[in-house]
Protein backbone atom coordinates (compact mmCIF):
# COMPACT_ATOMS: atom_id res chain seq x y z
CA MET A 1 14.53 -33.19 -55.01
CA GLU A 2 11.76 -34.49 -52.75
CA ILE A 3 14.08 -34.44 -49.70
CA LYS A 4 15.08 -30.84 -50.45
CA PHE A 5 11.44 -29.86 -50.79
CA LEU A 6 10.56 -31.48 -47.45
CA LYS A 7 13.47 -29.72 -45.72
CA GLU A 8 12.30 -26.36 -47.05
CA ARG A 9 8.77 -27.01 -45.81
CA PHE A 10 10.11 -28.10 -42.43
CA LEU A 11 11.86 -24.74 -42.05
CA PHE A 12 8.51 -23.00 -42.63
CA LEU A 13 6.83 -24.88 -39.73
CA PRO A 14 7.78 -22.38 -36.95
CA VAL A 15 6.20 -19.55 -38.96
CA PHE A 16 3.20 -21.81 -39.67
CA CYS A 17 2.81 -22.34 -35.87
CA ILE A 18 2.94 -18.57 -35.31
CA PHE A 19 0.11 -18.06 -37.83
CA PHE A 20 -1.80 -20.94 -36.17
CA CYS A 21 -1.54 -19.22 -32.75
CA LEU A 22 -2.53 -15.88 -34.30
CA GLY A 23 -5.69 -17.53 -35.61
CA ILE A 24 -6.62 -18.73 -32.11
CA CYS A 25 -5.96 -15.28 -30.60
CA THR A 26 -7.86 -13.42 -33.34
CA LEU A 27 -11.07 -15.43 -32.92
CA ASN A 28 -11.01 -14.58 -29.25
CA TYR A 29 -11.93 -10.99 -30.18
CA ILE A 30 -14.00 -11.24 -33.38
CA LYS A 31 -16.98 -13.38 -34.41
CA ILE A 32 -17.10 -15.38 -37.66
CA SER A 33 -19.60 -17.97 -38.81
CA PHE A 34 -18.29 -21.53 -38.38
CA ILE A 35 -19.69 -22.68 -41.74
CA PHE A 36 -18.14 -19.72 -43.60
CA LEU A 37 -14.77 -20.31 -41.93
CA TYR A 38 -14.96 -24.05 -42.65
CA ILE A 39 -15.56 -23.44 -46.38
CA ILE A 40 -12.70 -20.91 -46.65
CA THR A 41 -10.34 -23.30 -44.84
CA LEU A 42 -11.35 -26.19 -47.12
CA ILE A 43 -10.74 -24.07 -50.26
CA THR A 44 -7.33 -22.93 -48.94
CA LEU A 45 -6.39 -26.55 -48.15
CA ILE A 46 -7.34 -27.70 -51.67
CA LEU A 47 -5.34 -24.86 -53.25
CA ASN A 48 -2.40 -25.73 -51.06
CA PHE A 49 -2.44 -29.32 -52.36
CA ILE A 50 -2.86 -28.22 -56.00
CA PHE A 51 0.19 -25.91 -55.88
CA ILE A 52 2.15 -27.94 -53.30
CA LYS A 53 5.31 -28.24 -55.43
CA ARG A 54 5.30 -24.69 -56.72
CA PRO A 55 6.73 -21.57 -55.02
CA ILE A 56 3.27 -19.99 -55.14
CA SER A 57 2.06 -22.57 -52.59
CA ILE A 58 3.57 -20.48 -49.78
CA ILE A 59 0.77 -17.95 -50.39
CA PHE A 60 -1.74 -20.57 -49.23
CA PHE A 61 0.46 -22.34 -46.66
CA TYR A 62 0.58 -19.61 -43.97
CA PRO A 63 -3.08 -18.53 -44.33
CA LEU A 64 -3.97 -22.21 -43.90
CA GLY A 65 -2.26 -22.20 -40.50
CA PHE A 66 -4.14 -19.04 -39.52
CA LEU A 67 -7.49 -20.48 -40.64
CA LEU A 68 -6.87 -23.80 -38.87
CA GLY A 69 -6.19 -21.88 -35.65
CA CYS A 70 -9.47 -19.99 -36.10
CA LEU A 71 -11.33 -23.22 -36.80
CA LEU A 72 -9.86 -24.94 -33.76
CA PHE A 73 -10.92 -22.07 -31.49
CA LEU A 74 -14.48 -22.00 -32.89
CA ASN A 75 -14.76 -25.77 -32.55
CA SER A 76 -13.73 -25.56 -28.88
CA GLN A 77 -16.55 -23.05 -28.28
CA ILE A 78 -19.29 -25.34 -29.63
CA LYS A 79 -21.18 -26.91 -26.73
CA PRO A 80 -23.83 -29.68 -26.68
CA PRO A 81 -27.53 -28.65 -26.46
CA ASN A 82 -27.73 -29.59 -22.76
CA HIS A 83 -24.70 -27.45 -21.88
CA LEU A 84 -25.25 -24.68 -19.35
CA LYS A 85 -24.16 -22.12 -21.95
CA ASN A 86 -27.11 -23.04 -24.21
CA LEU A 87 -29.80 -23.17 -21.53
CA ARG A 88 -32.12 -20.18 -21.25
CA ILE A 89 -32.59 -19.91 -17.50
CA PRO A 90 -34.02 -16.60 -16.27
CA SER A 91 -31.67 -14.52 -14.12
CA GLY A 92 -32.59 -14.84 -10.46
CA ALA A 93 -34.41 -18.16 -10.95
CA LEU A 94 -34.30 -20.64 -8.09
CA ILE A 95 -32.74 -23.91 -9.31
CA LYS A 96 -31.56 -27.17 -7.78
CA ILE A 97 -28.49 -28.89 -9.23
CA LYS A 98 -26.37 -31.96 -8.59
CA GLY A 99 -22.65 -32.15 -9.28
CA THR A 100 -19.07 -32.20 -8.03
CA VAL A 101 -16.81 -29.55 -6.50
CA SER A 102 -14.07 -29.17 -9.13
CA SER A 103 -11.79 -26.61 -7.44
CA PHE A 104 -10.25 -26.04 -4.04
CA PRO A 105 -12.90 -23.97 -2.20
CA LYS A 106 -12.05 -20.49 -0.91
CA ILE A 107 -13.42 -20.57 2.62
CA THR A 108 -13.57 -17.41 4.76
CA GLU A 109 -15.64 -16.38 7.78
CA LYS A 110 -18.21 -14.63 5.56
CA TYR A 111 -18.44 -16.79 2.42
CA THR A 112 -17.43 -19.99 0.63
CA GLU A 113 -16.64 -19.96 -3.09
CA PHE A 114 -15.79 -22.78 -5.53
CA VAL A 115 -16.24 -24.03 -9.09
CA PHE A 116 -19.01 -26.61 -9.48
CA LEU A 117 -19.16 -29.22 -12.27
CA ILE A 118 -22.84 -29.90 -12.98
CA GLU A 119 -24.14 -33.40 -13.64
CA ALA A 120 -27.89 -32.81 -13.53
CA MET A 121 -30.60 -30.29 -12.85
CA ILE A 122 -33.37 -31.45 -10.52
CA GLY A 123 -36.97 -30.47 -11.27
CA ASP A 124 -40.17 -31.29 -9.42
CA ASP A 125 -40.32 -34.94 -10.45
CA LYS A 126 -37.54 -35.33 -13.00
CA ILE A 127 -33.76 -35.14 -13.25
CA TYR A 128 -32.40 -33.50 -16.41
CA PRO A 129 -28.78 -34.25 -17.46
CA VAL A 130 -26.87 -30.96 -17.78
CA LYS A 131 -23.20 -30.27 -18.51
CA GLY A 132 -20.99 -27.30 -17.72
CA LYS A 133 -19.37 -25.41 -14.87
CA LEU A 134 -20.62 -22.56 -12.73
CA LEU A 135 -19.23 -20.51 -9.88
CA VAL A 136 -20.94 -21.17 -6.54
CA LYS A 137 -20.99 -18.47 -3.87
CA ILE A 138 -22.32 -19.53 -0.46
CA SER A 139 -22.98 -16.63 1.93
CA LYS A 140 -21.51 -18.39 4.97
CA LYS A 141 -18.55 -20.49 6.03
CA ASP A 142 -19.10 -24.13 5.08
CA SER A 143 -16.88 -27.23 5.25
CA ILE A 144 -16.74 -28.19 1.59
CA PHE A 145 -13.91 -30.17 0.02
CA TRP A 146 -12.57 -30.65 -3.47
CA GLY A 147 -14.22 -33.60 -5.25
CA GLU A 148 -17.24 -33.67 -2.94
CA ASN A 149 -20.64 -34.52 -4.44
CA LEU A 150 -23.36 -32.03 -3.57
CA ILE A 151 -26.95 -31.06 -4.29
CA LEU A 152 -27.27 -27.27 -4.21
CA GLU A 153 -30.28 -25.01 -4.25
CA GLY A 154 -29.78 -21.35 -5.04
CA LYS A 155 -30.40 -18.41 -7.35
CA TYR A 156 -29.00 -18.55 -10.86
CA TYR A 157 -27.28 -15.52 -12.42
CA ARG A 158 -25.34 -14.72 -15.56
CA PRO A 159 -22.23 -12.51 -15.16
CA PHE A 160 -23.30 -8.92 -15.83
CA TYR A 161 -20.05 -6.98 -16.21
CA ASN A 162 -18.19 -7.65 -19.48
CA TYR A 163 -14.71 -7.86 -17.95
CA TYR A 164 -15.90 -10.34 -15.29
CA LYS A 165 -17.86 -12.28 -17.91
CA SER A 166 -14.72 -12.58 -20.08
CA TYR A 167 -12.66 -13.61 -17.05
CA LEU A 168 -15.06 -16.45 -16.20
CA LYS A 169 -15.43 -17.45 -19.86
CA GLN A 170 -11.69 -18.11 -20.06
CA LYS A 171 -12.22 -20.68 -17.31
CA GLN A 172 -15.23 -22.18 -19.16
CA ILE A 173 -17.60 -20.81 -16.49
CA TYR A 174 -20.84 -19.31 -17.83
CA ALA A 175 -23.00 -18.72 -14.75
CA ILE A 176 -23.07 -18.02 -11.01
CA LEU A 177 -25.13 -19.75 -8.32
CA LYS A 178 -25.73 -17.76 -5.12
CA VAL A 179 -26.66 -19.92 -2.14
CA ASN A 180 -28.02 -18.07 0.88
CA GLU A 181 -28.66 -19.36 4.38
CA TYR A 182 -32.28 -20.27 3.61
CA HIS A 183 -31.25 -22.40 0.60
CA ARG A 184 -30.37 -26.06 0.91
CA ILE A 185 -26.96 -27.77 0.67
CA ILE A 186 -27.04 -31.57 0.66
CA HIS A 187 -23.72 -33.41 1.12
CA LEU A 188 -23.79 -36.72 -0.73
CA GLU A 189 -21.49 -39.71 -0.36
CA LYS A 190 -17.88 -38.96 -1.32
CA LYS A 191 -17.76 -41.52 -4.13
CA GLY A 192 -15.38 -41.27 -7.05
CA ILE A 193 -13.01 -38.91 -5.19
CA SER A 194 -9.29 -39.37 -5.59
CA PHE A 195 -8.08 -40.35 -2.12
CA SER A 196 -4.65 -38.78 -2.68
CA LYS A 197 -6.07 -35.40 -3.79
CA PHE A 198 -8.63 -35.41 -1.01
CA SER A 199 -5.87 -36.12 1.54
CA LEU A 200 -3.75 -33.31 0.07
CA HIS A 201 -6.67 -30.92 0.37
CA LYS A 202 -7.19 -31.93 4.02
CA LEU A 203 -3.46 -31.40 4.68
CA ARG A 204 -3.63 -27.98 2.99
CA GLU A 205 -6.52 -26.95 5.26
CA LYS A 206 -4.67 -28.22 8.34
CA ILE A 207 -1.62 -26.10 7.41
CA LYS A 208 -3.90 -23.05 7.08
CA THR A 209 -5.44 -23.77 10.49
CA LEU A 210 -1.99 -24.18 12.03
CA LEU A 211 -0.84 -20.84 10.56
CA ASN A 212 -3.96 -19.12 11.94
CA ARG A 213 -3.21 -20.41 15.45
CA ARG A 214 0.50 -19.57 15.48
CA VAL A 215 0.69 -16.12 13.84
CA SER A 216 -1.41 -12.98 13.49
CA CYS A 217 -4.25 -12.70 10.95
CA PHE A 218 -2.16 -10.40 8.76
CA SER A 219 0.85 -12.76 8.74
CA ALA A 220 -1.38 -15.81 8.20
CA ALA A 221 -2.97 -14.19 5.14
CA ILE A 222 0.49 -13.43 3.67
CA LEU A 223 1.78 -16.94 4.41
CA ASP A 224 -1.35 -18.54 2.91
CA ALA A 225 -0.63 -16.66 -0.33
CA VAL A 226 3.13 -17.28 -0.38
CA ILE A 227 3.17 -20.92 0.75
CA LEU A 228 -0.22 -22.30 -0.37
CA GLY A 229 -1.18 -19.93 -3.20
CA ASP A 230 -4.45 -18.99 -1.48
CA ARG A 231 -5.01 -15.22 -1.72
CA SER A 232 -8.66 -15.25 -0.63
CA ARG A 233 -7.93 -13.77 2.82
CA LEU A 234 -5.76 -10.90 1.59
CA SER A 235 -7.47 -7.54 2.03
CA PHE A 236 -7.70 -5.03 -0.82
CA ASP A 237 -5.20 -2.72 0.96
CA ILE A 238 -2.56 -5.46 1.15
CA LYS A 239 -2.99 -6.41 -2.51
CA ASP A 240 -2.89 -2.75 -3.51
CA SER A 241 0.32 -2.15 -1.54
CA PHE A 242 2.06 -5.09 -3.22
CA LEU A 243 0.80 -3.92 -6.61
CA LYS A 244 2.08 -0.35 -6.12
CA THR A 245 5.51 -1.52 -4.97
CA GLY A 246 5.86 -3.93 -7.90
CA THR A 247 6.16 -6.98 -5.61
CA VAL A 248 2.79 -8.61 -6.29
CA HIS A 249 4.56 -11.57 -7.94
CA ILE A 250 5.68 -12.63 -4.44
CA LEU A 251 2.04 -13.52 -3.67
CA ALA A 252 1.85 -15.97 -6.60
CA ILE A 253 3.47 -19.41 -6.51
CA SER A 254 6.47 -19.22 -8.85
CA GLY A 255 10.05 -20.39 -9.29
CA LEU A 256 11.03 -18.12 -6.40
CA HIS A 257 8.93 -20.16 -3.96
CA ILE A 258 10.15 -23.48 -5.39
CA GLY A 259 13.72 -22.23 -4.88
CA ILE A 260 13.03 -21.21 -1.27
CA VAL A 261 11.44 -24.58 -0.41
CA GLY A 262 14.33 -26.40 -2.11
CA PHE A 263 16.95 -24.30 -0.31
CA ILE A 264 15.33 -24.79 3.13
CA SER A 265 14.99 -28.55 2.54
CA LEU A 266 18.66 -28.90 1.52
CA LEU A 267 19.74 -26.80 4.50
CA ILE A 268 17.77 -28.93 6.99
CA PHE A 269 19.11 -32.18 5.49
CA LYS A 270 22.66 -30.80 5.62
CA ILE A 271 22.28 -29.90 9.31
CA LEU A 272 21.03 -33.46 9.91
CA ARG A 273 24.26 -34.69 8.18
CA ILE A 274 22.39 -36.63 5.50
CA PRO A 275 24.68 -37.60 2.57
CA ARG A 276 24.67 -35.18 -0.36
CA ARG A 277 23.17 -37.53 -2.96
CA VAL A 278 20.40 -38.66 -0.57
CA ARG A 279 19.45 -35.11 0.41
CA TYR A 280 19.15 -34.08 -3.24
CA ILE A 281 16.86 -37.07 -3.93
CA LEU A 282 14.74 -36.25 -0.86
CA THR A 283 14.53 -32.59 -1.90
CA ILE A 284 13.30 -33.59 -5.38
CA PHE A 285 10.47 -35.62 -3.81
CA ILE A 286 9.60 -32.73 -1.45
CA LEU A 287 9.41 -30.29 -4.39
CA ILE A 288 7.17 -32.67 -6.36
CA PHE A 289 4.88 -33.02 -3.32
CA TYR A 290 4.84 -29.22 -2.83
CA CYS A 291 3.92 -28.62 -6.49
CA ILE A 292 1.05 -31.07 -6.29
């Protein structure tokens, strides 16, 4: 009897997962008090245990999944007091922060943009520990690498437009730091940086430089997007043309690009008369390297 009951409950798990995911999605659009939701979830859990061996328990089983999803989402949104989200910094205030570059910078002739993981905020005589991420926009071309430790001085802003605010919030970014030419950028020692990732970033930049030298600016921008996944140099007209023709997916790294790299690798190894098994093994390693 117990085994039959467990099998029946196991069959309900996929539906339970669907309700769990619905709870996460729902709380992304509506606001509910954490305490209120916690109490309702606790009551539903108790009722589920009371009626666990009765058919009526299914009434509490699925709502429990939904409520747990809601609770998980709310819990993920709770930040510590020293998190950037909870700090009341006036818009346009000049601040100085210390932290690490946590994304591959988009570097163009006019600006440099990257995500910055804050470690501390520097005052006149004190250093205050602060957590969180913000988007840094430097109004010039600067040689900045992933994982580099910096001290930045710039103007602090909160995203104004709702759609842009929501877009950054999904990436756990709650503010923007604009660094102009008269602000300071201090490059610290590159300690704690993964050597392999730093080397990959350097190689990525060298490939971009090589493409710029060998082909036209238009072709280099397309190749940067198709091969390296960097769409920062694509003009609005190019993006709009791809969007209107329904081929914008070509500009995003996908299975299509993995297939092309794999096909070219196999073709080259075949021309070099490398044995079939060896060329497949080599291609697997090339694809892993390309994905990284």
